[in-house]
Protein backbone atom coordinates (compact mmCIF):
# COMPACT_ATOMS: atom_id res chain seq x y z
CA UNK A 1 110.91 85.19 101.40
CA UNK A 2 114.25 86.94 101.18
CA UNK A 3 115.49 89.56 103.56
CA UNK A 4 116.11 91.92 100.62
CA UNK A 5 112.41 91.88 99.71
CA UNK A 6 111.42 92.58 103.29
CA UNK A 7 113.91 95.45 103.54
CA UNK A 8 112.73 96.90 100.22
CA UNK A 9 109.13 96.71 101.36
CA UNK A 10 109.90 98.25 104.76
CA UNK A 11 111.97 101.12 103.37
CA UNK A 12 109.41 101.97 100.71
CA UNK A 13 111.37 100.83 97.68
CA UNK A 14 108.40 98.65 96.78
CA UNK A 15 105.14 100.52 96.30
CA UNK A 16 102.19 98.14 96.88
CA UNK A 17 99.84 100.38 94.87
CA UNK A 18 101.92 100.03 91.71
CA UNK A 19 100.53 97.50 89.32
CA UNK A 20 102.51 95.10 87.21
CA UNK A 21 102.71 96.19 83.62
CA UNK A 22 102.18 92.71 82.15
CA UNK A 23 98.42 92.89 82.54
CA UNK A 24 98.10 96.46 81.35
CA UNK A 25 97.43 95.70 77.67
CA UNK A 26 94.72 93.19 78.52
CA UNK A 27 93.06 95.60 80.93
CA UNK A 28 93.18 98.44 78.41
CA UNK A 29 91.60 96.21 75.78
CA UNK A 30 88.84 95.23 78.20
CA UNK A 31 88.29 98.90 79.09
CA UNK A 32 87.97 99.74 75.39
CA UNK A 33 85.44 96.96 74.85
CA UNK A 34 83.39 98.13 77.82
CA UNK A 35 83.44 101.74 76.61
CA UNK A 36 82.32 100.76 73.09
CA UNK A 37 79.50 98.55 74.33
CA UNK A 38 78.42 101.16 76.87
CA UNK A 39 78.32 103.87 74.20
CA UNK A 40 76.34 101.65 71.84
CA UNK A 41 73.89 100.77 74.60
CA UNK A 42 73.55 104.40 75.78
CA UNK A 43 72.70 105.58 72.26
CA UNK A 44 69.70 103.27 72.21
CA UNK A 45 68.22 104.60 75.45
CA UNK A 46 65.82 107.47 75.89
CA UNK A 47 67.16 110.46 77.80
CA UNK A 48 65.27 109.41 80.93
CA UNK A 49 66.50 105.82 80.72
CA UNK A 50 70.04 107.05 80.10
CA UNK A 51 69.92 109.10 83.30
CA UNK A 52 68.67 106.06 85.24
CA UNK A 53 71.37 103.91 83.65
CA UNK A 54 74.08 106.45 84.56
CA UNK A 55 72.78 106.54 88.13
CA UNK A 56 73.02 102.76 88.25
CA UNK A 57 76.59 102.95 86.93
CA UNK A 58 77.43 105.44 89.67
CA UNK A 59 76.11 103.02 92.28
CA UNK A 60 78.24 100.20 90.86
CA UNK A 61 81.32 102.44 90.85
CA UNK A 62 80.69 103.51 94.43
CA UNK A 63 80.36 99.87 95.45
CA UNK A 64 83.58 99.03 93.62
CA UNK A 65 85.42 101.81 95.45
CA UNK A 66 84.22 100.44 98.79
CA UNK A 67 85.51 97.00 97.78
CA UNK A 68 88.90 98.40 96.77
CA UNK A 69 89.17 100.31 100.04
CA UNK A 70 88.27 97.21 102.05
CA UNK A 71 90.83 95.13 100.13
CA UNK A 72 93.47 97.77 100.82
CA UNK A 73 92.60 97.81 104.53
CA UNK A 74 92.77 94.04 104.77
CA UNK A 75 96.06 93.94 102.90
CA UNK A 76 97.50 96.59 105.17
CA UNK A 77 96.38 94.70 108.27
CA UNK A 78 97.90 91.47 106.95
CA UNK A 79 101.11 93.30 106.12
CA UNK A 80 101.26 94.83 109.60
CA UNK A 81 100.73 91.42 111.20
CA UNK A 82 103.38 89.97 108.91
CA UNK A 83 105.89 92.66 109.92
CA UNK A 84 105.06 92.13 113.59
CA UNK A 85 105.59 88.38 113.26
CA UNK A 86 108.89 88.56 111.41
CA UNK A 87 110.16 91.23 113.79
CA UNK A 88 109.43 89.22 116.92
CA UNK A 89 112.32 88.10 119.09
CA UNK A 90 111.51 84.43 118.51
CA UNK A 91 111.94 84.63 114.74
CA UNK A 92 115.07 86.78 114.90
CA UNK A 93 116.62 84.36 117.38
CA UNK A 94 117.20 87.07 119.95
């Protein structure tokens, strides 16, 4: 790993939350497919079943947000350990 990358990461020139654009088209297509299938499915449900289905969706989304937060926390911890390791006197030869 080059020193330039480490410096860019440390000084905030690399934003870990930014996503690579290469996958964007595929993700958008998947999102469109999900939306179409969800709409088709929702139209077939009674009002009561639709409410229950939407509540279930909310639970899934809440769970997904917890997963994303946990992934972020773990990544941040790994990054902090990484910075601590590469900044140690032994690695720098001091």
